[in-house]
Amino acid sequence: MKTDIRDKPTLSHDDIAGLNFIKYPSRYFFRNHFREGLRSRLIQVLEQSDVALETRGTLQEGIRIFPIAQPVAMLRIFKNKFSSPRDIQKEIDNYKILQQRLSESHYAVSSEFMVDYTWGRHKNILLCGLQEYVHGESVDPWHANAILKIEGIVKGSPAGTLKVAFDNLASFVNCIKDIIMKTGTIPDLAGVGNLLMTPLGIVKLVDINNISKLSMDHHIPVDDKGYPVSDKSVQALFQIETRILGRSKDTADTLYRFFLDPQRMKEVRELETTFHQITAHSGNYPSVN
């Protein structure tokens, strides 16, 4: 029996090219991205000609080099097995929050689409996204040398400077706080690789669907995977503001005063530890959502 693509541990080019909604033969080559999402499979969409050049190499001044093929886009295949279009709409609505509130310069634009997916004799609804590929490196709010890392990202780019990077990061933080204030929600800033910076100092959120509600409630919410994502995202935002941007630790900020309460943070750490224990045991530990 043919396996549902959402259940396969790894995906090959033939797996993607053979999907009933992918045009065949395709001018593109499909390859697993080096990061694996908790909610979606991440597939690089590459030009066949670029992959061929990567394989055979090219001579430059008598030296054969093998240029790595760069994706023209990212294909995201959601792992959830949705029971109805209404369930899918909830995922799309999350993305719409970013569309409406966040500048396109601060998130990886995506075209979300719903298809009838068939495998063997089975048929199901599948949600996918064809997303802008962001050539950048992760901004890690907890990295001990986060500023040096950012400096390394933009170093060597004539248009990318530390000031430009910091200005863009400050703009991103201000936009996220505006989203929190006006919608009561926050995107996932905690996942490794969710926030990328390009060599030009442009800051973009690539996890565009995991949006969680924030409420001044002493009950700590977890997402459908058991992760306290809203609290951890607030913590990440605070780290970016204070440790990277050097803003003062405003104790009068209601958002931080509530979510960074020492007892609450202790409980969040316990939930986070439990989450990592479960995902490590299941072998489904994600590097990015």
C-alpha atoms as a PDB file:
ATOM      1  CA  MET A   1       0.000   0.000   0.000  1.00  0.00           C
ATOM      2  CA  LYS A   2       1.302   3.447  -0.906  1.00  0.00           C
ATOM      3  CA  THR A   3       2.308   5.517   2.143  1.00  0.00           C
ATOM      4  CA  ASP A   4       0.780   8.898   2.893  1.00  0.00           C
ATOM      5  CA  ILE A   5       3.485  11.468   2.143  1.00  0.00           C
ATOM      6  CA  ARG A   6       2.849  13.133   5.516  1.00  0.00           C
ATOM      7  CA  ASP A   7       3.874   9.917   7.284  1.00  0.00           C
ATOM      8  CA  LYS A   8       7.129   9.307   5.420  1.00  0.00           C
ATOM      9  CA  PRO A   9      10.283   9.907   7.486  1.00  0.00           C
ATOM     10  CA  THR A  10      12.140  11.317   4.463  1.00  0.00           C
ATOM     11  CA  LEU A  11      11.039  12.601   1.089  1.00  0.00           C
ATOM     12  CA  SER A  12      12.789  12.263  -2.252  1.00  0.00           C
ATOM     13  CA  HIS A  13      12.435  14.206  -5.487  1.00  0.00           C
ATOM     14  CA  ASP A  14      10.317  11.367  -6.894  1.00  0.00           C
ATOM     15  CA  ASP A  15       7.986  11.535  -3.885  1.00  0.00           C
ATOM     16  CA  ILE A  16       7.198  15.178  -4.598  1.00  0.00           C
ATOM     17  CA  ALA A  17       7.287  14.979  -8.395  1.00  0.00           C
ATOM     18  CA  GLY A  18       4.855  12.061  -8.243  1.00  0.00           C
ATOM     19  CA  LEU A  19       2.177  13.935  -6.303  1.00  0.00           C
ATOM     20  CA  ASN A  20      -1.096  14.152  -8.157  1.00  0.00           C
ATOM     21  CA  PHE A  21      -1.132  17.971  -8.036  1.00  0.00           C
ATOM     22  CA  ILE A  22       2.448  18.475  -9.295  1.00  0.00           C
ATOM     23  CA  LYS A  23       2.891  18.943 -13.036  1.00  0.00           C
ATOM     24  CA  TYR A  24       4.908  16.124 -14.600  1.00  0.00           C
ATOM     25  CA  PRO A  25       7.506  16.251 -15.938  1.00  0.00           C
ATOM     26  CA  SER A  26       8.624  19.185 -13.825  1.00  0.00           C
ATOM     27  CA  ARG A  27      11.279  21.754 -14.672  1.00  0.00           C
ATOM     28  CA  TYR A  28      12.139  21.751 -10.972  1.00  0.00           C
ATOM     29  CA  PHE A  29      14.033  19.422  -8.685  1.00  0.00           C
ATOM     30  CA  PHE A  30      12.688  18.889  -5.157  1.00  0.00           C
ATOM     31  CA  ARG A  31      14.977  18.315  -2.190  1.00  0.00           C
ATOM     32  CA  ASN A  32      14.441  18.106   1.567  1.00  0.00           C
ATOM     33  CA  HIS A  33      15.461  21.273   3.354  1.00  0.00           C
ATOM     34  CA  PHE A  34      18.107  20.804   6.048  1.00  0.00           C
ATOM     35  CA  ARG A  35      15.591  21.941   8.670  1.00  0.00           C
ATOM     36  CA  GLU A  36      12.516  19.903   9.448  1.00  0.00           C
ATOM     37  CA  GLY A  37       9.326  21.541  10.637  1.00  0.00           C
ATOM     38  CA  LEU A  38       7.164  20.267  13.445  1.00  0.00           C
ATOM     39  CA  ARG A  39       4.001  21.130  11.521  1.00  0.00           C
ATOM     40  CA  SER A  40       5.144  21.008   7.905  1.00  0.00           C
ATOM     41  CA  ARG A  41       7.615  19.292   5.622  1.00  0.00           C
ATOM     42  CA  LEU A  42      10.058  21.797   4.132  1.00  0.00           C
ATOM     43  CA  ILE A  43      11.072  21.135   0.539  1.00  0.00           C
ATOM     44  CA  GLN A  44      13.540  23.147  -1.532  1.00  0.00           C
ATOM     45  CA  VAL A  45      12.341  23.937  -5.053  1.00  0.00           C
ATOM     46  CA  LEU A  46      15.416  24.020  -7.301  1.00  0.00           C
ATOM     47  CA  GLU A  47      16.054  24.593 -10.988  1.00  0.00           C
ATOM     48  CA  GLN A  48      17.061  21.320 -12.654  1.00  0.00           C
ATOM     49  CA  SER A  49      19.892  23.133 -14.443  1.00  0.00           C
ATOM     50  CA  ASP A  50      21.299  24.421 -11.126  1.00  0.00           C
ATOM     51  CA  VAL A  51      21.244  20.914  -9.627  1.00  0.00           C
ATOM     52  CA  ALA A  52      23.036  19.546 -12.691  1.00  0.00           C
ATOM     53  CA  LEU A  53      25.729  22.223 -12.349  1.00  0.00           C
ATOM     54  CA  GLU A  54      26.049  21.428  -8.644  1.00  0.00           C
ATOM     55  CA  THR A  55      26.657  17.780  -9.545  1.00  0.00           C
ATOM     56  CA  ARG A  56      29.089  18.084 -12.465  1.00  0.00           C
ATOM     57  CA  GLY A  57      30.792  21.306 -11.380  1.00  0.00           C
ATOM     58  CA  THR A  58      32.264  24.029 -13.567  1.00  0.00           C
ATOM     59  CA  LEU A  59      35.802  25.155 -14.355  1.00  0.00           C
ATOM     60  CA  GLN A  60      36.855  28.598 -13.156  1.00  0.00           C
ATOM     61  CA  GLU A  61      40.453  29.606 -13.897  1.00  0.00           C
ATOM     62  CA  GLY A  62      41.397  25.949 -14.188  1.00  0.00           C
ATOM     63  CA  ILE A  63      39.784  24.915 -10.903  1.00  0.00           C
ATOM     64  CA  ARG A  64      36.595  22.832 -10.810  1.00  0.00           C
ATOM     65  CA  ILE A  65      34.051  24.179  -8.349  1.00  0.00           C
ATOM     66  CA  PHE A  66      30.656  22.822  -7.408  1.00  0.00           C
ATOM     67  CA  PRO A  67      28.244  25.716  -6.759  1.00  0.00           C
ATOM     68  CA  ILE A  68      25.427  24.761  -4.415  1.00  0.00           C
ATOM     69  CA  ALA A  69      22.021  25.099  -6.067  1.00  0.00           C
ATOM     70  CA  GLN A  70      19.962  27.837  -4.390  1.00  0.00           C
ATOM     71  CA  PRO A  71      16.203  27.309  -4.015  1.00  0.00           C
ATOM     72  CA  VAL A  72      13.873  29.485  -6.054  1.00  0.00           C
ATOM     73  CA  ALA A  73      11.128  28.815  -3.491  1.00  0.00           C
ATOM     74  CA  MET A  74      10.198  26.620  -0.535  1.00  0.00           C
ATOM     75  CA  LEU A  75       7.346  24.130  -0.708  1.00  0.00           C
ATOM     76  CA  ARG A  76       5.688  23.527   2.663  1.00  0.00           C
ATOM     77  CA  ILE A  77       3.478  20.461   3.034  1.00  0.00           C
ATOM     78  CA  PHE A  78       1.474  20.537   6.236  1.00  0.00           C
ATOM     79  CA  LYS A  79       1.589  17.324   8.255  1.00  0.00           C
ATOM     80  CA  ASN A  80      -1.862  17.776   9.788  1.00  0.00           C
ATOM     81  CA  LYS A  81      -4.570  15.558   8.355  1.00  0.00           C
ATOM     82  CA  PHE A  82      -7.388  18.050   8.107  1.00  0.00           C
ATOM     83  CA  SER A  83     -10.946  16.783   8.253  1.00  0.00           C
ATOM     84  CA  SER A  84     -12.567  19.751   6.527  1.00  0.00           C
ATOM     85  CA  PRO A  85     -11.830  22.992   4.659  1.00  0.00           C
ATOM     86  CA  ARG A  86     -12.960  24.851   7.800  1.00  0.00           C
ATOM     87  CA  ASP A  87     -10.049  23.368   9.768  1.00  0.00           C
ATOM     88  CA  ILE A  88      -7.668  24.454   7.044  1.00  0.00           C
ATOM     89  CA  GLN A  89      -9.110  27.948   7.081  1.00  0.00           C
ATOM     90  CA  LYS A  90      -7.936  28.358  10.687  1.00  0.00           C
ATOM     91  CA  GLU A  91      -4.345  27.826   9.535  1.00  0.00           C
ATOM     92  CA  ILE A  92      -4.772  30.284   6.677  1.00  0.00           C
ATOM     93  CA  ASP A  93      -6.323  32.871   9.020  1.00  0.00           C
ATOM     94  CA  ASN A  94      -3.139  32.787  11.100  1.00  0.00           C
ATOM     95  CA  TYR A  95      -1.129  33.730   8.034  1.00  0.00           C
ATOM     96  CA  LYS A  96      -3.570  36.523   7.230  1.00  0.00           C
ATOM     97  CA  ILE A  97      -2.770  38.158  10.577  1.00  0.00           C
ATOM     98  CA  LEU A  98       0.825  38.592   9.403  1.00  0.00           C
ATOM     99  CA  GLN A  99      -0.275  39.723   5.956  1.00  0.00           C
ATOM    100  CA  GLN A 100      -2.393  42.471   7.450  1.00  0.00           C
ATOM    101  CA  ARG A 101      -0.081  43.597  10.260  1.00  0.00           C
ATOM    102  CA  LEU A 102       3.492  42.888   9.188  1.00  0.00           C
ATOM    103  CA  SER A 103       5.427  44.518   6.365  1.00  0.00           C
ATOM    104  CA  GLU A 104       6.461  42.124   3.586  1.00  0.00           C
ATOM    105  CA  SER A 105      10.028  43.096   4.385  1.00  0.00           C
ATOM    106  CA  HIS A 106       9.618  41.260   7.703  1.00  0.00           C
ATOM    107  CA  TYR A 107       8.167  37.891   6.712  1.00  0.00           C
ATOM    108  CA  ALA A 108       8.613  35.269   4.003  1.00  0.00           C
ATOM    109  CA  VAL A 109       5.648  35.737   1.681  1.00  0.00           C
ATOM    110  CA  SER A 110       3.750  32.566   0.853  1.00  0.00           C
ATOM    111  CA  SER A 111       0.930  31.440  -1.398  1.00  0.00           C
ATOM    112  CA  GLU A 112      -1.167  28.993   0.605  1.00  0.00           C
ATOM    113  CA  PHE A 113      -3.188  26.450  -1.370  1.00  0.00           C
ATOM    114  CA  MET A 114      -5.506  23.574  -0.604  1.00  0.00           C
ATOM    115  CA  VAL A 115      -5.555  20.494  -2.861  1.00  0.00           C
ATOM    116  CA  ASP A 116      -7.201  17.119  -3.154  1.00  0.00           C
ATOM    117  CA  TYR A 117      -4.412  14.689  -2.368  1.00  0.00           C
ATOM    118  CA  THR A 118      -4.678  11.081  -3.506  1.00  0.00           C
ATOM    119  CA  TRP A 119      -2.424   8.181  -2.577  1.00  0.00           C
ATOM    120  CA  GLY A 120      -3.385   4.658  -3.555  1.00  0.00           C
ATOM    121  CA  ARG A 121      -7.131   4.430  -3.142  1.00  0.00           C
ATOM    122  CA  HIS A 122      -7.235   7.138  -0.491  1.00  0.00           C
ATOM    123  CA  LYS A 123      -8.156  10.775  -0.896  1.00  0.00           C
ATOM    124  CA  ASN A 124      -7.681  13.615   1.565  1.00  0.00           C
ATOM    125  CA  ILE A 125      -7.418  17.405   1.816  1.00  0.00           C
ATOM    126  CA  LEU A 126      -3.861  18.698   1.874  1.00  0.00           C
ATOM    127  CA  LEU A 127      -2.663  22.187   2.766  1.00  0.00           C
ATOM    128  CA  CYS A 128       0.529  23.452   1.167  1.00  0.00           C
ATOM    129  CA  GLY A 129       2.364  26.715   0.820  1.00  0.00           C
ATOM    130  CA  LEU A 130       4.744  27.938  -1.867  1.00  0.00           C
ATOM    131  CA  GLN A 131       6.921  30.292   0.112  1.00  0.00           C
ATOM    132  CA  GLU A 132       9.608  32.827  -0.634  1.00  0.00           C
ATOM    133  CA  TYR A 133      13.068  31.426   0.013  1.00  0.00           C
ATOM    134  CA  VAL A 134      15.055  33.589   2.428  1.00  0.00           C
ATOM    135  CA  HIS A 135      18.814  33.284   2.018  1.00  0.00           C
ATOM    136  CA  GLY A 136      19.892  34.096   5.538  1.00  0.00           C
ATOM    137  CA  GLU A 137      21.042  32.863   8.924  1.00  0.00           C
ATOM    138  CA  SER A 138      19.148  32.389  12.147  1.00  0.00           C
ATOM    139  CA  VAL A 139      18.784  35.189  14.675  1.00  0.00           C
ATOM    140  CA  ASP A 140      19.031  33.382  18.012  1.00  0.00           C
ATOM    141  CA  PRO A 141      17.708  35.544  20.886  1.00  0.00           C
ATOM    142  CA  TRP A 142      19.463  33.376  23.485  1.00  0.00           C
ATOM    143  CA  HIS A 143      22.855  33.134  21.792  1.00  0.00           C
ATOM    144  CA  ALA A 144      25.626  34.332  24.118  1.00  0.00           C
ATOM    145  CA  ASN A 145      27.310  36.163  21.228  1.00  0.00           C
ATOM    146  CA  ALA A 146      24.193  37.163  19.301  1.00  0.00           C
ATOM    147  CA  ILE A 147      25.547  40.587  18.307  1.00  0.00           C
ATOM    148  CA  LEU A 148      28.816  39.123  17.006  1.00  0.00           C
ATOM    149  CA  LYS A 149      26.830  36.553  15.053  1.00  0.00           C
ATOM    150  CA  ILE A 150      24.710  39.278  13.446  1.00  0.00           C
ATOM    151  CA  GLU A 151      27.850  41.231  12.631  1.00  0.00           C
ATOM    152  CA  GLY A 152      29.196  38.111  10.931  1.00  0.00           C
ATOM    153  CA  ILE A 153      26.026  37.724   8.849  1.00  0.00           C
ATOM    154  CA  VAL A 154      26.261  41.202   7.306  1.00  0.00           C
ATOM    155  CA  LYS A 155      30.061  41.363   7.144  1.00  0.00           C
ATOM    156  CA  GLY A 156      31.322  41.444   3.581  1.00  0.00           C
ATOM    157  CA  SER A 157      28.096  42.788   2.114  1.00  0.00           C
ATOM    158  CA  PRO A 158      28.565  46.345   0.793  1.00  0.00           C
ATOM    159  CA  ALA A 159      24.970  47.288   1.619  1.00  0.00           C
ATOM    160  CA  GLY A 160      24.672  45.332   4.861  1.00  0.00           C
ATOM    161  CA  THR A 161      25.948  47.033   7.992  1.00  0.00           C
ATOM    162  CA  LEU A 162      25.395  46.424  11.693  1.00  0.00           C
ATOM    163  CA  LYS A 163      23.363  49.645  11.873  1.00  0.00           C
ATOM    164  CA  VAL A 164      21.112  48.517   9.021  1.00  0.00           C
ATOM    165  CA  ALA A 165      20.675  45.130  10.693  1.00  0.00           C
ATOM    166  CA  PHE A 166      19.809  46.693  14.040  1.00  0.00           C
ATOM    167  CA  ASP A 167      17.409  49.179  12.433  1.00  0.00           C
ATOM    168  CA  ASN A 168      15.590  46.341  10.674  1.00  0.00           C
ATOM    169  CA  LEU A 169      15.521  44.238  13.824  1.00  0.00           C
ATOM    170  CA  ALA A 170      14.123  47.182  15.812  1.00  0.00           C
ATOM    171  CA  SER A 171      11.461  47.703  13.133  1.00  0.00           C
ATOM    172  CA  PHE A 172      10.552  44.007  13.333  1.00  0.00           C
ATOM    173  CA  VAL A 173      10.235  44.133  17.141  1.00  0.00           C
ATOM    174  CA  ASN A 174       8.037  47.231  16.946  1.00  0.00           C
ATOM    175  CA  CYS A 175       5.782  45.508  14.405  1.00  0.00           C
ATOM    176  CA  ILE A 176       5.448  42.396  16.584  1.00  0.00           C
ATOM    177  CA  LYS A 177       4.524  44.497  19.627  1.00  0.00           C
ATOM    178  CA  ASP A 178       1.933  46.268  17.478  1.00  0.00           C
ATOM    179  CA  ILE A 179       0.464  42.876  16.504  1.00  0.00           C
ATOM    180  CA  ILE A 180       0.318  41.884  20.180  1.00  0.00           C
ATOM    181  CA  MET A 181      -1.406  45.117  21.160  1.00  0.00           C
ATOM    182  CA  LYS A 182      -3.967  45.123  18.332  1.00  0.00           C
ATOM    183  CA  THR A 183      -4.748  41.418  17.918  1.00  0.00           C
ATOM    184  CA  GLY A 184      -3.773  39.793  21.221  1.00  0.00           C
ATOM    185  CA  THR A 185      -1.645  37.251  19.340  1.00  0.00           C
ATOM    186  CA  ILE A 186       2.041  36.580  18.804  1.00  0.00           C
ATOM    187  CA  PRO A 187       3.880  34.590  16.096  1.00  0.00           C
ATOM    188  CA  ASP A 188       6.336  31.863  17.050  1.00  0.00           C
ATOM    189  CA  LEU A 189       9.644  33.635  17.722  1.00  0.00           C
ATOM    190  CA  ALA A 190      11.050  30.824  19.859  1.00  0.00           C
ATOM    191  CA  GLY A 191      11.712  28.101  17.297  1.00  0.00           C
ATOM    192  CA  VAL A 192      15.292  27.728  16.065  1.00  0.00           C
ATOM    193  CA  GLY A 193      15.546  29.205  12.586  1.00  0.00           C
ATOM    194  CA  ASN A 194      12.140  30.892  12.681  1.00  0.00           C
ATOM    195  CA  LEU A 195      13.711  34.352  12.364  1.00  0.00           C
ATOM    196  CA  LEU A 196      16.346  34.853   9.667  1.00  0.00           C
ATOM    197  CA  MET A 197      18.637  37.737   8.738  1.00  0.00           C
ATOM    198  CA  THR A 198      20.007  38.158   5.220  1.00  0.00           C
ATOM    199  CA  PRO A 199      23.510  39.479   4.385  1.00  0.00           C
ATOM    200  CA  LEU A 200      21.816  42.812   3.633  1.00  0.00           C
ATOM    201  CA  GLY A 201      20.552  42.991   7.220  1.00  0.00           C
ATOM    202  CA  ILE A 202      16.925  42.272   6.300  1.00  0.00           C
ATOM    203  CA  VAL A 203      15.015  40.461   9.067  1.00  0.00           C
ATOM    204  CA  LYS A 204      12.306  37.975   8.095  1.00  0.00           C
ATOM    205  CA  LEU A 205      10.037  35.600   9.966  1.00  0.00           C
ATOM    206  CA  VAL A 206       9.773  32.294   8.093  1.00  0.00           C
ATOM    207  CA  ASP A 207       7.412  30.419  10.444  1.00  0.00           C
ATOM    208  CA  ILE A 208       4.287  32.219   9.321  1.00  0.00           C
ATOM    209  CA  ASN A 209       1.474  29.932  10.484  1.00  0.00           C
ATOM    210  CA  ASN A 210       2.097  29.276  14.145  1.00  0.00           C
ATOM    211  CA  ILE A 211       0.288  32.230  15.712  1.00  0.00           C
ATOM    212  CA  SER A 212      -0.846  31.914  19.321  1.00  0.00           C
ATOM    213  CA  LYS A 213      -3.123  33.953  21.551  1.00  0.00           C
ATOM    214  CA  LEU A 214      -1.833  35.934  24.500  1.00  0.00           C
ATOM    215  CA  SER A 215      -3.987  36.465  27.535  1.00  0.00           C
ATOM    216  CA  MET A 216      -3.268  37.674  31.045  1.00  0.00           C
ATOM    217  CA  ASP A 217      -4.213  34.318  32.491  1.00  0.00           C
ATOM    218  CA  HIS A 218      -2.288  32.407  35.130  1.00  0.00           C
ATOM    219  CA  HIS A 219      -2.926  29.209  33.202  1.00  0.00           C
ATOM    220  CA  ILE A 220       0.062  28.676  30.863  1.00  0.00           C
ATOM    221  CA  PRO A 221      -1.233  27.619  27.430  1.00  0.00           C
ATOM    222  CA  VAL A 222       0.560  25.104  25.217  1.00  0.00           C
ATOM    223  CA  ASP A 223       0.101  24.532  21.510  1.00  0.00           C
ATOM    224  CA  ASP A 224      -1.226  21.330  19.945  1.00  0.00           C
ATOM    225  CA  LYS A 225       2.248  19.791  20.306  1.00  0.00           C
ATOM    226  CA  GLY A 226       2.488  20.583  24.019  1.00  0.00           C
ATOM    227  CA  TYR A 227       4.925  23.484  23.723  1.00  0.00           C
ATOM    228  CA  PRO A 228       4.416  26.750  25.698  1.00  0.00           C
ATOM    229  CA  VAL A 229       4.982  28.720  22.516  1.00  0.00           C
ATOM    230  CA  SER A 230       3.282  31.987  23.477  1.00  0.00           C
ATOM    231  CA  ASP A 231       5.300  32.414  26.683  1.00  0.00           C
ATOM    232  CA  LYS A 232       8.557  31.413  24.983  1.00  0.00           C
ATOM    233  CA  SER A 233       7.867  33.865  22.156  1.00  0.00           C
ATOM    234  CA  VAL A 234       7.412  36.714  24.645  1.00  0.00           C
ATOM    235  CA  GLN A 235      10.692  35.696  26.272  1.00  0.00           C
ATOM    236  CA  ALA A 236      12.402  35.703  22.859  1.00  0.00           C
ATOM    237  CA  LEU A 237      11.026  39.154  22.091  1.00  0.00           C
ATOM    238  CA  PHE A 238      12.358  40.440  25.406  1.00  0.00           C
ATOM    239  CA  GLN A 239      15.784  38.937  24.701  1.00  0.00           C
ATOM    240  CA  ILE A 240      15.934  40.633  21.291  1.00  0.00           C
ATOM    241  CA  GLU A 241      14.935  43.976  22.771  1.00  0.00           C
ATOM    242  CA  THR A 242      17.323  43.923  25.709  1.00  0.00           C
ATOM    243  CA  ARG A 243      20.300  41.682  24.894  1.00  0.00           C
ATOM    244  CA  ILE A 244      20.609  42.463  21.174  1.00  0.00           C
ATOM    245  CA  LEU A 245      19.110  45.918  20.683  1.00  0.00           C
ATOM    246  CA  GLY A 246      20.249  47.141  24.095  1.00  0.00           C
ATOM    247  CA  ARG A 247      16.927  48.625  25.106  1.00  0.00           C
ATOM    248  CA  SER A 248      16.359  49.135  28.813  1.00  0.00           C
ATOM    249  CA  LYS A 249      14.554  46.468  30.805  1.00  0.00           C
ATOM    250  CA  ASP A 250      11.319  48.375  31.227  1.00  0.00           C
ATOM    251  CA  THR A 251       9.806  46.986  34.416  1.00  0.00           C
ATOM    252  CA  ALA A 252       6.702  49.058  33.771  1.00  0.00           C
ATOM    253  CA  ASP A 253       5.958  47.132  30.570  1.00  0.00           C
ATOM    254  CA  THR A 254       2.801  45.182  31.446  1.00  0.00           C
ATOM    255  CA  LEU A 255       3.519  42.486  28.853  1.00  0.00           C
ATOM    256  CA  TYR A 256       6.926  41.633  30.251  1.00  0.00           C
ATOM    257  CA  ARG A 257       5.994  42.140  33.886  1.00  0.00           C
ATOM    258  CA  PHE A 258       3.272  39.506  33.574  1.00  0.00           C
ATOM    259  CA  PHE A 259       4.938  36.910  31.322  1.00  0.00           C
ATOM    260  CA  LEU A 260       8.417  37.204  32.823  1.00  0.00           C
ATOM    261  CA  ASP A 261       7.292  36.707  36.398  1.00  0.00           C
ATOM    262  CA  PRO A 262       9.910  34.363  37.946  1.00  0.00           C
ATOM    263  CA  GLN A 263       7.372  31.768  39.117  1.00  0.00           C
ATOM    264  CA  ARG A 264       5.652  31.729  35.728  1.00  0.00           C
ATOM    265  CA  MET A 265       8.988  31.330  33.935  1.00  0.00           C
ATOM    266  CA  LYS A 266       9.836  28.399  36.207  1.00  0.00           C
ATOM    267  CA  GLU A 267       6.581  26.681  35.240  1.00  0.00           C
ATOM    268  CA  VAL A 268       7.238  27.408  31.562  1.00  0.00           C
ATOM    269  CA  ARG A 269      10.681  25.773  31.842  1.00  0.00           C
ATOM    270  CA  GLU A 270       9.073  22.663  33.301  1.00  0.00           C
ATOM    271  CA  LEU A 271       6.582  22.482  30.410  1.00  0.00           C
ATOM    272  CA  GLU A 272       9.390  23.034  27.922  1.00  0.00           C
ATOM    273  CA  THR A 273      11.464  20.239  29.473  1.00  0.00           C
ATOM    274  CA  THR A 274       8.518  17.855  29.256  1.00  0.00           C
ATOM    275  CA  PHE A 275       7.970  18.797  25.615  1.00  0.00           C
ATOM    276  CA  HIS A 276      11.606  18.107  24.690  1.00  0.00           C
ATOM    277  CA  GLN A 277      11.566  14.780  26.520  1.00  0.00           C
ATOM    278  CA  ILE A 278       8.474  13.656  24.628  1.00  0.00           C
ATOM    279  CA  THR A 279       9.675  14.816  21.190  1.00  0.00           C
ATOM    280  CA  ALA A 280      13.164  13.359  21.710  1.00  0.00           C
ATOM    281  CA  HIS A 281      11.631  10.010  22.685  1.00  0.00           C
ATOM    282  CA  SER A 282       9.340  10.035  19.635  1.00  0.00           C
ATOM    283  CA  GLY A 283      12.191  10.916  17.284  1.00  0.00           C
ATOM    284  CA  ASN A 284      10.213  13.887  16.008  1.00  0.00           C
ATOM    285  CA  TYR A 285      12.387  16.663  17.363  1.00  0.00           C
ATOM    286  CA  PRO A 286      12.010  19.757  15.192  1.00  0.00           C
ATOM    287  CA  SER A 287      14.609  22.349  14.332  1.00  0.00           C
ATOM    288  CA  VAL A 288      12.103  24.797  12.949  1.00  0.00           C
ATOM    289  CA  ASN A 289       8.308  24.951  12.730  1.00  0.00           C
END
